[in-house]
Amino acid sequence: MNLLKHIYPAVALTIVLTVLVGIIYPFAMTGLSMVLFKEKARGSLIEREGRVIGSRLIGQPFQGAGYFHSRPSAAGSGYDATASGGTNLGPTSKQLLEDMKGRAKRLRAENPNKEIPVDLITSSGSGLDPHISPAAAEFQIPRVGQERRMSEEQVRRLVRIHTEGRQFGILGEPRVNVLELNLALDEVSRKDK
């Protein structure tokens, strides 16, 4: 009998806490965040013509010459949010060195007279980084401008508009969201036609 005296409160407490912490609290926090921070609570999604085309928080591959290219990704087959992560290759890894040499060779062919920014040859820790450095964007301006038949200054102006500063003026580094920049380029191209 003494055992039942202890089991009943333990089971009751487990049920109450499961309902409170596992159901009520998450729904309350989700509801509150939807009211206070609707866009962020939904994943900072970007929609065009009623269709979700991406998120401001997750990188995407861009292959065309008329687009700014994101950082290389080691997440799954590339920018796979279900397989987020880096390569786990160390600084003495021959595979890492070969990958970086291959990327550098391709980039040198694209822009032979400029120093290659490191974020264009190294993948991010998550493999999902949506940003590149302003230097990486500057490196790509001649290719994008030529492909889109825009002056370098027009493209550079868009890069400046889409360059985000340090958070609170002190945290992080300036960065350019590649998806938002490429969408702005598409918008300018549509207006010019």
Foldseek 3Di string as FASTA:
>chain_A
DVVVVVVVVVVVVVVVCCCVVVPVVVVVVLVVCCVVPVCVSVQQFDDDPRHTDGHLAFADADDDLLAQGAFFFPQDVASDQVRWFAPPADPVHPVLVVQLVVQVVVLCVVPVPDDADPRNRGADGGRTGQKDALVSQLSSLVRNCVVLVHDSVVLNVLQVVQWDQAVVNPHDHIIGRRVVSRVVVVVVSVVVD
